[in-house]
Full PDB file with SEQRES, HELIX, SHEET, SSBOND, CRYST1, ORIGX, SCALE, CONECT and MASTER records, all heavy atoms in Angstrom:
SEQRES   1 A   42  LEU GLY CYS LEU GLN LEU ASP PRO ILE SER ALA VAL ALA          
SEQRES   2 A   42  ARG SER HIS THR LEU VAL VAL PHE SER ARG VAL GLY ALA          
SEQRES   3 A   42  TYR ASP LEU LYS GLN LEU ASP LYS LEU LEU TRP GLU ASP          
SEQRES   4 A   42  ARG ALA LEU                                                  
HELIX    1 AA1 SER A   15  VAL A   24  1                                  10    
HELIX    2 AA2 LEU A   29  ASP A   33  1                                   5    
HELIX    3 AA3 LYS A   34  GLU A   38  3                                   5    
CRYST1    1.000    1.000    1.000  90.00  90.00  90.00 P 1           1          
ORIGX1      1.000000  0.000000  0.000000        0.00000                         
ORIGX2      0.000000  1.000000  0.000000        0.00000                         
ORIGX3      0.000000  0.000000  1.000000        0.00000                         
SCALE1      1.000000  0.000000  0.000000        0.00000                         
SCALE2      0.000000  1.000000  0.000000        0.00000                         
SCALE3      0.000000  0.000000  1.000000        0.00000                         
ATOM      1  N   LEU A   1       0.828  -1.204  -0.009  1.00  0.00           N  
ATOM      2  CA  LEU A   1      -0.001  -0.033   0.005  1.00  0.00           C  
ATOM      3  C   LEU A   1       0.867   1.237   0.025  1.00  0.00           C  
ATOM      4  O   LEU A   1       0.419   2.310  -0.499  1.00  0.00           O  
ATOM      5  CB  LEU A   1      -0.912   0.028   1.210  1.00  0.00           C  
ATOM      6  CG  LEU A   1      -1.991  -1.067   1.334  1.00  0.00           C  
ATOM      7  CD1 LEU A   1      -2.862  -0.870   2.533  1.00  0.00           C  
ATOM      8  CD2 LEU A   1      -2.842  -1.185   0.064  1.00  0.00           C  
ATOM      9  N   GLY A   2       2.023   1.213   0.594  1.00  0.00           N  
ATOM     10  CA  GLY A   2       2.914   2.338   0.683  1.00  0.00           C  
ATOM     11  C   GLY A   2       2.782   3.153   1.946  1.00  0.00           C  
ATOM     12  O   GLY A   2       3.733   3.657   2.497  1.00  0.00           O  
ATOM     13  N   CYS A   3       1.516   3.229   2.468  1.00  0.00           N  
ATOM     14  CA  CYS A   3       1.298   4.010   3.685  1.00  0.00           C  
ATOM     15  C   CYS A   3      -0.116   3.675   4.212  1.00  0.00           C  
ATOM     16  O   CYS A   3      -0.948   3.117   3.459  1.00  0.00           O  
ATOM     17  CB  CYS A   3       1.389   5.523   3.432  1.00  0.00           C  
ATOM     18  SG  CYS A   3       0.168   6.108   2.263  1.00  0.00           S  
ATOM     19  N   LEU A   4      -0.286   3.934   5.475  1.00  0.00           N  
ATOM     20  CA  LEU A   4      -1.622   3.741   6.163  1.00  0.00           C  
ATOM     21  C   LEU A   4      -2.027   5.125   6.768  1.00  0.00           C  
ATOM     22  O   LEU A   4      -1.323   5.586   7.702  1.00  0.00           O  
ATOM     23  CB  LEU A   4      -1.527   2.720   7.249  1.00  0.00           C  
ATOM     24  CG  LEU A   4      -0.968   1.301   6.879  1.00  0.00           C  
ATOM     25  CD1 LEU A   4      -0.785   0.446   8.107  1.00  0.00           C  
ATOM     26  CD2 LEU A   4      -1.923   0.625   5.923  1.00  0.00           C  
ATOM     27  N   GLN A   5      -3.043   5.715   6.192  1.00  0.00           N  
ATOM     28  CA  GLN A   5      -3.437   7.050   6.681  1.00  0.00           C  
ATOM     29  C   GLN A   5      -3.850   7.002   8.127  1.00  0.00           C  
ATOM     30  O   GLN A   5      -4.625   6.197   8.583  1.00  0.00           O  
ATOM     31  CB  GLN A   5      -4.569   7.626   5.813  1.00  0.00           C  
ATOM     32  CG  GLN A   5      -5.007   8.998   6.267  1.00  0.00           C  
ATOM     33  CD  GLN A   5      -6.024   9.613   5.317  1.00  0.00           C  
ATOM     34  OE1 GLN A   5      -6.079   9.241   4.163  1.00  0.00           O  
ATOM     35  NE2 GLN A   5      -6.751  10.605   5.801  1.00  0.00           N  
ATOM     36  N   LEU A   6      -3.382   7.975   8.902  1.00  0.00           N  
ATOM     37  CA  LEU A   6      -3.780   8.187  10.297  1.00  0.00           C  
ATOM     38  C   LEU A   6      -4.934   9.189  10.373  1.00  0.00           C  
ATOM     39  O   LEU A   6      -4.943  10.191   9.675  1.00  0.00           O  
ATOM     40  CB  LEU A   6      -2.624   8.711  11.135  1.00  0.00           C  
ATOM     41  CG  LEU A   6      -1.458   7.716  11.337  1.00  0.00           C  
ATOM     42  CD1 LEU A   6      -0.218   8.454  11.930  1.00  0.00           C  
ATOM     43  CD2 LEU A   6      -1.861   6.602  12.285  1.00  0.00           C  
ATOM     44  N   ASP A   7      -5.860   8.872  11.230  1.00  0.00           N  
ATOM     45  CA  ASP A   7      -7.006   9.765  11.461  1.00  0.00           C  
ATOM     46  C   ASP A   7      -7.506   9.541  12.879  1.00  0.00           C  
ATOM     47  O   ASP A   7      -7.626   8.408  13.311  1.00  0.00           O  
ATOM     48  CB  ASP A   7      -8.110   9.514  10.431  1.00  0.00           C  
ATOM     49  CG  ASP A   7      -9.254  10.586  10.533  1.00  0.00           C  
ATOM     50  OD1 ASP A   7      -9.069  11.658   9.902  1.00  0.00           O  
ATOM     51  OD2 ASP A   7     -10.236  10.372  11.259  1.00  0.00           O  
ATOM     52  N   PRO A   8      -7.766  10.609  13.612  1.00  0.00           N  
ATOM     53  CA  PRO A   8      -8.127  10.468  15.071  1.00  0.00           C  
ATOM     54  C   PRO A   8      -9.515   9.969  15.307  1.00  0.00           C  
ATOM     55  O   PRO A   8      -9.819   9.504  16.411  1.00  0.00           O  
ATOM     56  CB  PRO A   8      -7.964  11.902  15.600  1.00  0.00           C  
ATOM     57  CG  PRO A   8      -8.237  12.765  14.374  1.00  0.00           C  
ATOM     58  CD  PRO A   8      -7.638  12.068  13.209  1.00  0.00           C  
ATOM     59  N   ILE A   9     -10.408   9.984  14.338  1.00  0.00           N  
ATOM     60  CA  ILE A   9     -11.796   9.597  14.531  1.00  0.00           C  
ATOM     61  C   ILE A   9     -11.895   8.047  14.724  1.00  0.00           C  
ATOM     62  O   ILE A   9     -11.353   7.291  13.949  1.00  0.00           O  
ATOM     63  CB  ILE A   9     -12.686  10.097  13.408  1.00  0.00           C  
ATOM     64  CG1 ILE A   9     -12.704  11.575  13.351  1.00  0.00           C  
ATOM     65  CG2 ILE A   9     -14.130   9.565  13.557  1.00  0.00           C  
ATOM     66  CD1 ILE A   9     -13.299  12.175  12.108  1.00  0.00           C  
ATOM     67  N   SER A  10     -12.620   7.637  15.740  1.00  0.00           N  
ATOM     68  CA  SER A  10     -12.763   6.214  15.984  1.00  0.00           C  
ATOM     69  C   SER A  10     -14.238   5.869  16.281  1.00  0.00           C  
ATOM     70  O   SER A  10     -14.522   5.231  17.288  1.00  0.00           O  
ATOM     71  CB  SER A  10     -11.853   5.770  17.136  1.00  0.00           C  
ATOM     72  OG  SER A  10     -12.096   6.523  18.291  1.00  0.00           O  
ATOM     73  N   ALA A  11     -15.102   6.283  15.445  1.00  0.00           N  
ATOM     74  CA  ALA A  11     -16.518   5.914  15.617  1.00  0.00           C  
ATOM     75  C   ALA A  11     -16.731   4.434  15.586  1.00  0.00           C  
ATOM     76  O   ALA A  11     -17.618   3.852  16.246  1.00  0.00           O  
ATOM     77  CB  ALA A  11     -17.375   6.576  14.556  1.00  0.00           C  
ATOM     78  N   VAL A  12     -15.872   3.781  14.797  1.00  0.00           N  
ATOM     79  CA  VAL A  12     -15.851   2.322  14.758  1.00  0.00           C  
ATOM     80  C   VAL A  12     -14.497   1.825  15.286  1.00  0.00           C  
ATOM     81  O   VAL A  12     -14.421   1.054  16.234  1.00  0.00           O  
ATOM     82  CB  VAL A  12     -16.084   1.832  13.329  1.00  0.00           C  
ATOM     83  CG1 VAL A  12     -16.032   0.302  13.233  1.00  0.00           C  
ATOM     84  CG2 VAL A  12     -17.400   2.333  12.773  1.00  0.00           C  
ATOM     85  N   ALA A  13     -13.429   2.269  14.621  1.00  0.00           N  
ATOM     86  CA  ALA A  13     -12.067   1.985  15.046  1.00  0.00           C  
ATOM     87  C   ALA A  13     -11.208   2.983  14.281  1.00  0.00           C  
ATOM     88  O   ALA A  13     -11.687   3.600  13.355  1.00  0.00           O  
ATOM     89  CB  ALA A  13     -11.634   0.601  14.744  1.00  0.00           C  
ATOM     90  N   ARG A  14      -9.932   3.172  14.700  1.00  0.00           N  
ATOM     91  CA  ARG A  14      -9.083   4.075  14.003  1.00  0.00           C  
ATOM     92  C   ARG A  14      -8.894   3.582  12.562  1.00  0.00           C  
ATOM     93  O   ARG A  14      -8.801   2.365  12.276  1.00  0.00           O  
ATOM     94  CB  ARG A  14      -7.701   4.136  14.686  1.00  0.00           C  
ATOM     95  CG  ARG A  14      -7.716   4.777  16.077  1.00  0.00           C  
ATOM     96  CD  ARG A  14      -7.842   6.285  15.985  1.00  0.00           C  
ATOM     97  NE  ARG A  14      -6.733   6.891  15.282  1.00  0.00           N  
ATOM     98  CZ  ARG A  14      -5.513   7.171  15.760  1.00  0.00           C  
ATOM     99  NH1 ARG A  14      -5.240   6.829  17.036  1.00  0.00           N  
ATOM    100  NH2 ARG A  14      -4.594   7.766  15.047  1.00  0.00           N  
ATOM    101  N   SER A  15      -8.848   4.536  11.635  1.00  0.00           N  
ATOM    102  CA  SER A  15      -8.850   4.185  10.185  1.00  0.00           C  
ATOM    103  C   SER A  15      -7.733   3.199   9.807  1.00  0.00           C  
ATOM    104  O   SER A  15      -7.952   2.249   9.084  1.00  0.00           O  
ATOM    105  CB  SER A  15      -8.742   5.439   9.332  1.00  0.00           C  
ATOM    106  OG  SER A  15      -8.624   5.128   7.992  1.00  0.00           O  
ATOM    107  N   HIS A  16      -6.487   3.463  10.250  1.00  0.00           N  
ATOM    108  CA  HIS A  16      -5.357   2.612   9.848  1.00  0.00           C  
ATOM    109  C   HIS A  16      -5.561   1.175  10.323  1.00  0.00           C  
ATOM    110  O   HIS A  16      -5.153   0.213   9.624  1.00  0.00           O  
ATOM    111  CB  HIS A  16      -4.054   3.196  10.347  1.00  0.00           C  
ATOM    112  CG  HIS A  16      -3.860   3.188  11.865  1.00  0.00           C  
ATOM    113  ND1 HIS A  16      -4.445   4.107  12.647  1.00  0.00           N  
ATOM    114  CD2 HIS A  16      -3.204   2.377  12.667  1.00  0.00           C  
ATOM    115  CE1 HIS A  16      -4.154   3.920  13.913  1.00  0.00           C  
ATOM    116  NE2 HIS A  16      -3.379   2.854  13.942  1.00  0.00           N  
ATOM    117  N   THR A  17      -6.224   0.957  11.446  1.00  0.00           N  
ATOM    118  CA  THR A  17      -6.477  -0.395  11.923  1.00  0.00           C  
ATOM    119  C   THR A  17      -7.557  -1.109  11.049  1.00  0.00           C  
ATOM    120  O   THR A  17      -7.460  -2.324  10.803  1.00  0.00           O  
ATOM    121  CB  THR A  17      -6.915  -0.444  13.387  1.00  0.00           C  
ATOM    122  OG1 THR A  17      -8.231   0.168  13.537  1.00  0.00           O  
ATOM    123  CG2 THR A  17      -5.917   0.289  14.259  1.00  0.00           C  
ATOM    124  N   LEU A  18      -8.484  -0.273  10.545  1.00  0.00           N  
ATOM    125  CA  LEU A  18      -9.492  -0.854   9.656  1.00  0.00           C  
ATOM    126  C   LEU A  18      -8.928  -1.217   8.286  1.00  0.00           C  
ATOM    127  O   LEU A  18      -9.314  -2.205   7.686  1.00  0.00           O  
ATOM    128  CB  LEU A  18     -10.652   0.143   9.457  1.00  0.00           C  
ATOM    129  CG  LEU A  18     -11.563   0.381  10.666  1.00  0.00           C  
ATOM    130  CD1 LEU A  18     -12.574   1.528  10.384  1.00  0.00           C  
ATOM    131  CD2 LEU A  18     -12.338  -0.869  11.005  1.00  0.00           C  
ATOM    132  N   VAL A  19      -8.000  -0.367   7.806  1.00  0.00           N  
ATOM    133  CA  VAL A  19      -7.363  -0.651   6.503  1.00  0.00           C  
ATOM    134  C   VAL A  19      -6.638  -2.011   6.582  1.00  0.00           C  
ATOM    135  O   VAL A  19      -6.710  -2.831   5.650  1.00  0.00           O  
ATOM    136  CB  VAL A  19      -6.386   0.461   6.138  1.00  0.00           C  
ATOM    137  CG1 VAL A  19      -5.555   0.054   4.905  1.00  0.00           C  
ATOM    138  CG2 VAL A  19      -7.146   1.771   5.852  1.00  0.00           C  
ATOM    139  N   VAL A  20      -5.949  -2.259   7.658  1.00  0.00           N  
ATOM    140  CA  VAL A  20      -5.242  -3.526   7.829  1.00  0.00           C  
ATOM    141  C   VAL A  20      -6.313  -4.674   7.976  1.00  0.00           C  
ATOM    142  O   VAL A  20      -6.119  -5.715   7.284  1.00  0.00           O  
ATOM    143  CB  VAL A  20      -4.319  -3.500   9.058  1.00  0.00           C  
ATOM    144  CG1 VAL A  20      -3.699  -4.890   9.311  1.00  0.00           C  
ATOM    145  CG2 VAL A  20      -3.199  -2.515   8.831  1.00  0.00           C  
ATOM    146  N   PHE A  21      -7.335  -4.462   8.763  1.00  0.00           N  
ATOM    147  CA  PHE A  21      -8.355  -5.445   8.932  1.00  0.00           C  
ATOM    148  C   PHE A  21      -8.948  -5.870   7.609  1.00  0.00           C  
ATOM    149  O   PHE A  21      -9.237  -7.097   7.335  1.00  0.00           O  
ATOM    150  CB  PHE A  21      -9.488  -4.890   9.843  1.00  0.00           C  
ATOM    151  CG  PHE A  21     -10.810  -5.573   9.666  1.00  0.00           C  
ATOM    152  CD1 PHE A  21     -11.044  -6.853  10.125  1.00  0.00           C  
ATOM    153  CD2 PHE A  21     -11.856  -4.942   9.023  1.00  0.00           C  
ATOM    154  CE1 PHE A  21     -12.235  -7.493   9.934  1.00  0.00           C  
ATOM    155  CE2 PHE A  21     -13.069  -5.527   8.841  1.00  0.00           C  
ATOM    156  CZ  PHE A  21     -13.281  -6.846   9.313  1.00  0.00           C  
ATOM    157  N   SER A  22      -9.224  -4.909   6.708  1.00  0.00           N  
ATOM    158  CA  SER A  22      -9.813  -5.256   5.402  1.00  0.00           C  
ATOM    159  C   SER A  22      -8.919  -6.193   4.588  1.00  0.00           C  
ATOM    160  O   SER A  22      -9.443  -6.889   3.694  1.00  0.00           O  
ATOM    161  CB  SER A  22     -10.029  -3.976   4.594  1.00  0.00           C  
ATOM    162  OG  SER A  22     -10.980  -3.150   5.262  1.00  0.00           O  
ATOM    163  N   ARG A  23      -7.633  -6.206   4.855  1.00  0.00           N  
ATOM    164  CA  ARG A  23      -6.739  -7.045   4.109  1.00  0.00           C  
ATOM    165  C   ARG A  23      -6.346  -8.375   4.793  1.00  0.00           C  
ATOM    166  O   ARG A  23      -6.094  -9.352   4.097  1.00  0.00           O  
ATOM    167  CB  ARG A  23      -5.420  -6.322   3.879  1.00  0.00           C  
ATOM    168  CG  ARG A  23      -5.439  -5.388   2.674  1.00  0.00           C  
ATOM    169  CD  ARG A  23      -5.876  -4.008   3.012  1.00  0.00           C  
ATOM    170  NE  ARG A  23      -5.982  -3.164   1.822  1.00  0.00           N  
ATOM    171  CZ  ARG A  23      -6.711  -2.068   1.732  1.00  0.00           C  
ATOM    172  NH1 ARG A  23      -7.450  -1.737   2.743  1.00  0.00           N  
ATOM    173  NH2 ARG A  23      -6.733  -1.368   0.614  1.00  0.00           N  
ATOM    174  N   VAL A  24      -6.371  -8.428   6.099  1.00  0.00           N  
ATOM    175  CA  VAL A  24      -5.949  -9.660   6.834  1.00  0.00           C  
ATOM    176  C   VAL A  24      -7.049 -10.312   7.648  1.00  0.00           C  
ATOM    177  O   VAL A  24      -6.850 -11.377   8.160  1.00  0.00           O  
ATOM    178  CB  VAL A  24      -4.692  -9.406   7.662  1.00  0.00           C  
ATOM    179  CG1 VAL A  24      -3.597  -8.769   6.911  1.00  0.00           C  
ATOM    180  CG2 VAL A  24      -5.058  -8.531   8.912  1.00  0.00           C  
ATOM    181  N   GLY A  25      -8.185  -9.590   7.769  1.00  0.00           N  
ATOM    182  CA  GLY A  25      -9.206 -10.088   8.667  1.00  0.00           C  
ATOM    183  C   GLY A  25      -8.943  -9.670  10.110  1.00  0.00           C  
ATOM    184  O   GLY A  25      -8.078  -8.866  10.403  1.00  0.00           O  
ATOM    185  N   ALA A  26      -9.673 -10.287  11.028  1.00  0.00           N  
ATOM    186  CA  ALA A  26      -9.511  -9.938  12.447  1.00  0.00           C  
ATOM    187  C   ALA A  26      -8.065 -10.242  12.898  1.00  0.00           C  
ATOM    188  O   ALA A  26      -7.528 -11.317  12.601  1.00  0.00           O  
ATOM    189  CB  ALA A  26     -10.483 -10.745  13.344  1.00  0.00           C  
ATOM    190  N   TYR A  27      -7.424  -9.281  13.549  1.00  0.00           N  
ATOM    191  CA  TYR A  27      -6.012  -9.435  13.992  1.00  0.00           C  
ATOM    192  C   TYR A  27      -5.775  -8.775  15.351  1.00  0.00           C  
ATOM    193  O   TYR A  27      -6.631  -7.924  15.776  1.00  0.00           O  
ATOM    194  CB  TYR A  27      -5.039  -8.886  12.942  1.00  0.00           C  
ATOM    195  CG  TYR A  27      -5.124  -7.395  12.783  1.00  0.00           C  
ATOM    196  CD1 TYR A  27      -4.155  -6.575  13.425  1.00  0.00           C  
ATOM    197  CD2 TYR A  27      -6.164  -6.719  12.073  1.00  0.00           C  
ATOM    198  CE1 TYR A  27      -4.184  -5.177  13.269  1.00  0.00           C  
ATOM    199  CE2 TYR A  27      -6.167  -5.353  11.948  1.00  0.00           C  
ATOM    200  CZ  TYR A  27      -5.175  -4.590  12.576  1.00  0.00           C  
ATOM    201  OH  TYR A  27      -5.219  -3.230  12.445  1.00  0.00           O  
ATOM    202  N   ASP A  28      -4.769  -9.129  15.984  1.00  0.00           N  
ATOM    203  CA  ASP A  28      -4.371  -8.548  17.239  1.00  0.00           C  
ATOM    204  C   ASP A  28      -3.624  -7.260  17.007  1.00  0.00           C  
ATOM    205  O   ASP A  28      -2.581  -7.239  16.288  1.00  0.00           O  
ATOM    206  CB  ASP A  28      -3.487  -9.505  17.999  1.00  0.00           C  
ATOM    207  CG  ASP A  28      -3.181  -9.064  19.454  1.00  0.00           C  
ATOM    208  OD1 ASP A  28      -3.350  -7.883  19.760  1.00  0.00           O  
ATOM    209  OD2 ASP A  28      -2.748  -9.923  20.295  1.00  0.00           O  
ATOM    210  N   LEU A  29      -4.151  -6.132  17.534  1.00  0.00           N  
ATOM    211  CA  LEU A  29      -3.512  -4.827  17.272  1.00  0.00           C  
ATOM    212  C   LEU A  29      -2.037  -4.768  17.838  1.00  0.00           C  
ATOM    213  O   LEU A  29      -1.223  -3.951  17.361  1.00  0.00           O  
ATOM    214  CB  LEU A  29      -4.291  -3.730  17.983  1.00  0.00           C  
ATOM    215  CG  LEU A  29      -5.672  -3.452  17.430  1.00  0.00           C  
ATOM    216  CD1 LEU A  29      -6.390  -2.380  18.269  1.00  0.00           C  
ATOM    217  CD2 LEU A  29      -5.564  -2.959  16.000  1.00  0.00           C  
ATOM    218  N   LYS A  30      -1.700  -5.731  18.653  1.00  0.00           N  
ATOM    219  CA  LYS A  30      -0.332  -5.739  19.182  1.00  0.00           C  
ATOM    220  C   LYS A  30       0.666  -6.070  18.036  1.00  0.00           C  
ATOM    221  O   LYS A  30       1.813  -5.741  18.149  1.00  0.00           O  
ATOM    222  CB  LYS A  30      -0.218  -6.818  20.313  1.00  0.00           C  
ATOM    223  CG  LYS A  30      -0.948  -6.379  21.617  1.00  0.00           C  
ATOM    224  CD  LYS A  30      -0.843  -7.451  22.651  1.00  0.00           C  
ATOM    225  CE  LYS A  30      -1.574  -7.082  23.936  1.00  0.00           C  
ATOM    226  NZ  LYS A  30      -1.519  -8.145  24.966  1.00  0.00           N  
ATOM    227  N   GLN A  31       0.157  -6.766  17.012  1.00  0.00           N  
ATOM    228  CA  GLN A  31       1.015  -7.092  15.892  1.00  0.00           C  
ATOM    229  C   GLN A  31       1.455  -5.830  15.128  1.00  0.00           C  
ATOM    230  O   GLN A  31       2.607  -5.692  14.768  1.00  0.00           O  
ATOM    231  CB  GLN A  31       0.282  -8.024  14.896  1.00  0.00           C  
ATOM    232  CG  GLN A  31      -0.080  -9.387  15.481  1.00  0.00           C  
ATOM    233  CD  GLN A  31       1.150 -10.282  15.786  1.00  0.00           C  
ATOM    234  OE1 GLN A  31       2.211 -10.112  15.218  1.00  0.00           O  
ATOM    235  NE2 GLN A  31       1.017 -11.237  16.688  1.00  0.00           N  
ATOM    236  N   LEU A  32       0.517  -4.906  15.005  1.00  0.00           N  
ATOM    237  CA  LEU A  32       0.823  -3.654  14.391  1.00  0.00           C  
ATOM    238  C   LEU A  32       1.712  -2.798  15.277  1.00  0.00           C  
ATOM    239  O   LEU A  32       2.682  -2.159  14.846  1.00  0.00           O  
ATOM    240  CB  LEU A  32      -0.446  -2.892  14.009  1.00  0.00           C  
ATOM    241  CG  LEU A  32      -0.309  -1.565  13.303  1.00  0.00           C  
ATOM    242  CD1 LEU A  32       0.512  -1.623  12.034  1.00  0.00           C  
ATOM    243  CD2 LEU A  32      -1.665  -0.956  13.037  1.00  0.00           C  
ATOM    244  N   ASP A  33       1.392  -2.811  16.566  1.00  0.00           N  
ATOM    245  CA  ASP A  33       2.258  -2.068  17.526  1.00  0.00           C  
ATOM    246  C   ASP A  33       3.688  -2.568  17.526  1.00  0.00           C  
ATOM    247  O   ASP A  33       4.629  -1.788  17.620  1.00  0.00           O  
ATOM    248  CB  ASP A  33       1.666  -2.183  18.946  1.00  0.00           C  
ATOM    249  CG  ASP A  33       0.413  -1.309  19.114  1.00  0.00           C  
ATOM    250  OD1 ASP A  33       0.176  -0.428  18.279  1.00  0.00           O  
ATOM    251  OD2 ASP A  33      -0.337  -1.542  20.123  1.00  0.00           O  
ATOM    252  N   LYS A  34       3.820  -3.903  17.383  1.00  0.00           N  
ATOM    253  CA  LYS A  34       5.138  -4.482  17.323  1.00  0.00           C  
ATOM    254  C   LYS A  34       5.945  -3.967  16.157  1.00  0.00           C  
ATOM    255  O   LYS A  34       7.137  -3.602  16.335  1.00  0.00           O  
ATOM    256  CB  LYS A  34       5.013  -6.044  17.229  1.00  0.00           C  
ATOM    257  CG  LYS A  34       6.381  -6.756  17.151  1.00  0.00           C  
ATOM    258  CD  LYS A  34       6.135  -8.281  17.086  1.00  0.00           C  
ATOM    259  CE  LYS A  34       7.461  -9.018  17.035  1.00  0.00           C  
ATOM    260  NZ  LYS A  34       8.223  -8.780  15.795  1.00  0.00           N  
ATOM    261  N   LEU A  35       5.315  -3.814  15.026  1.00  0.00           N  
ATOM    262  CA  LEU A  35       5.994  -3.292  13.863  1.00  0.00           C  
ATOM    263  C   LEU A  35       6.409  -1.830  14.040  1.00  0.00           C  
ATOM    264  O   LEU A  35       7.449  -1.396  13.543  1.00  0.00           O  
ATOM    265  CB  LEU A  35       5.105  -3.425  12.597  1.00  0.00           C  
ATOM    266  CG  LEU A  35       4.844  -4.838  12.081  1.00  0.00           C  
ATOM    267  CD1 LEU A  35       3.765  -4.815  11.051  1.00  0.00           C  
ATOM    268  CD2 LEU A  35       6.131  -5.380  11.467  1.00  0.00           C  
ATOM    269  N   LEU A  36       5.571  -1.081  14.772  1.00  0.00           N  
ATOM    270  CA  LEU A  36       5.811   0.322  14.981  1.00  0.00           C  
ATOM    271  C   LEU A  36       6.833   0.568  16.066  1.00  0.00           C  
ATOM    272  O   LEU A  36       7.822   1.321  15.876  1.00  0.00           O  
ATOM    273  CB  LEU A  36       4.496   1.017  15.338  1.00  0.00           C  
ATOM    274  CG  LEU A  36       3.605   1.441  14.178  1.00  0.00           C  
ATOM    275  CD1 LEU A  36       2.190   1.718  14.696  1.00  0.00           C  
ATOM    276  CD2 LEU A  36       4.151   2.632  13.464  1.00  0.00           C  
ATOM    277  N   TRP A  37       6.600   0.021  17.216  1.00  0.00           N  
ATOM    278  CA  TRP A  37       7.354   0.418  18.416  1.00  0.00           C  
ATOM    279  C   TRP A  37       8.478  -0.535  18.834  1.00  0.00           C  
ATOM    280  O   TRP A  37       9.380  -0.153  19.579  1.00  0.00           O  
ATOM    281  CB  TRP A  37       6.419   0.640  19.582  1.00  0.00           C  
ATOM    282  CG  TRP A  37       5.159   1.333  19.235  1.00  0.00           C  
ATOM    283  CD1 TRP A  37       3.906   0.919  19.504  1.00  0.00           C  
ATOM    284  CD2 TRP A  37       5.008   2.582  18.536  1.00  0.00           C  
ATOM    285  NE1 TRP A  37       2.946   1.833  18.997  1.00  0.00           N  
ATOM    286  CE2 TRP A  37       3.647   2.859  18.431  1.00  0.00           C  
ATOM    287  CE3 TRP A  37       5.926   3.473  17.981  1.00  0.00           C  
ATOM    288  CZ2 TRP A  37       3.161   3.972  17.788  1.00  0.00           C  
ATOM    289  CZ3 TRP A  37       5.453   4.648  17.345  1.00  0.00           C  
ATOM    290  CH2 TRP A  37       4.077   4.880  17.257  1.00  0.00           C  
ATOM    291  N   GLU A  38       8.439  -1.756  18.343  1.00  0.00           N  
ATOM    292  CA  GLU A  38       9.536  -2.722  18.732  1.00  0.00           C  
ATOM    293  C   GLU A  38      10.455  -2.950  17.476  1.00  0.00           C  
ATOM    294  O   GLU A  38      11.631  -2.660  17.555  1.00  0.00           O  
ATOM    295  CB  GLU A  38       8.921  -4.094  19.158  1.00  0.00           C  
ATOM    296  CG  GLU A  38       8.144  -3.983  20.471  1.00  0.00           C  
ATOM    297  CD  GLU A  38       7.567  -5.330  20.842  1.00  0.00           C  
ATOM    298  OE1 GLU A  38       8.154  -6.386  20.552  1.00  0.00           O  
ATOM    299  OE2 GLU A  38       6.541  -5.309  21.544  1.00  0.00           O  
ATOM    300  N   ASP A  39       9.886  -3.481  16.381  1.00  0.00           N  
ATOM    301  CA  ASP A  39      10.748  -3.679  15.204  1.00  0.00           C  
ATOM    302  C   ASP A  39      11.100  -2.411  14.528  1.00  0.00           C  
ATOM    303  O   ASP A  39      12.099  -2.329  13.893  1.00  0.00           O  
ATOM    304  CB  ASP A  39       9.986  -4.592  14.228  1.00  0.00           C  
ATOM    305  CG  ASP A  39       9.599  -5.939  14.737  1.00  0.00           C  
ATOM    306  OD1 ASP A  39      10.154  -6.314  15.810  1.00  0.00           O  
ATOM    307  OD2 ASP A  39       8.759  -6.620  14.135  1.00  0.00           O  
ATOM    308  N   ARG A  40      10.261  -1.402  14.665  1.00  0.00           N  
ATOM    309  CA  ARG A  40      10.434  -0.109  14.049  1.00  0.00           C  
ATOM    310  C   ARG A  40      10.612  -0.223  12.527  1.00  0.00           C  
ATOM    311  O   ARG A  40      11.357   0.542  11.914  1.00  0.00           O  
ATOM    312  CB  ARG A  40      11.601   0.655  14.698  1.00  0.00           C  
ATOM    313  CG  ARG A  40      11.350   0.840  16.208  1.00  0.00           C  
ATOM    314  CD  ARG A  40      12.388   1.566  16.948  1.00  0.00           C  
ATOM    315  NE  ARG A  40      12.054   1.644  18.377  1.00  0.00           N  
ATOM    316  CZ  ARG A  40      12.739   2.338  19.283  1.00  0.00           C  
ATOM    317  NH1 ARG A  40      13.756   3.067  18.922  1.00  0.00           N  
ATOM    318  NH2 ARG A  40      12.351   2.321  20.534  1.00  0.00           N  
ATOM    319  N   ALA A  41       9.901  -1.180  12.004  1.00  0.00           N  
ATOM    320  CA  ALA A  41       9.850  -1.326  10.522  1.00  0.00           C  
ATOM    321  C   ALA A  41       8.875  -0.295   9.926  1.00  0.00           C  
ATOM    322  O   ALA A  41       8.891  -0.100   8.708  1.00  0.00           O  
ATOM    323  CB  ALA A  41       9.343  -2.704  10.182  1.00  0.00           C  
ATOM    324  N   LEU A  42       8.096   0.313  10.781  1.00  0.00           N  
ATOM    325  CA  LEU A  42       7.185   1.365  10.339  1.00  0.00           C  
ATOM    326  C   LEU A  42       7.344   2.577  11.272  1.00  0.00           C  
ATOM    327  O   LEU A  42       7.822   2.430  12.448  1.00  0.00           O  
ATOM    328  CB  LEU A  42       5.700   0.903  10.474  1.00  0.00           C  
ATOM    329  CG  LEU A  42       5.284  -0.362   9.705  1.00  0.00           C  
ATOM    330  CD1 LEU A  42       3.909  -0.801  10.125  1.00  0.00           C  
ATOM    331  CD2 LEU A  42       5.391  -0.144   8.176  1.00  0.00           C  
TER     332      LEU A  42                                                      
MASTER        0    0    0    3    0    0    0    6  331    1    0    4          
END                                                                             
């Protein structure tokens, strides 16, 4: 995708988490956090 847009509105969930959900199905948000804050691949 190249990027995941950030948006503060969470009437359902934060947009970037929904974008990932649409591609992989239900997932643990810790997996995304790991890429951001531990692996720092993002």
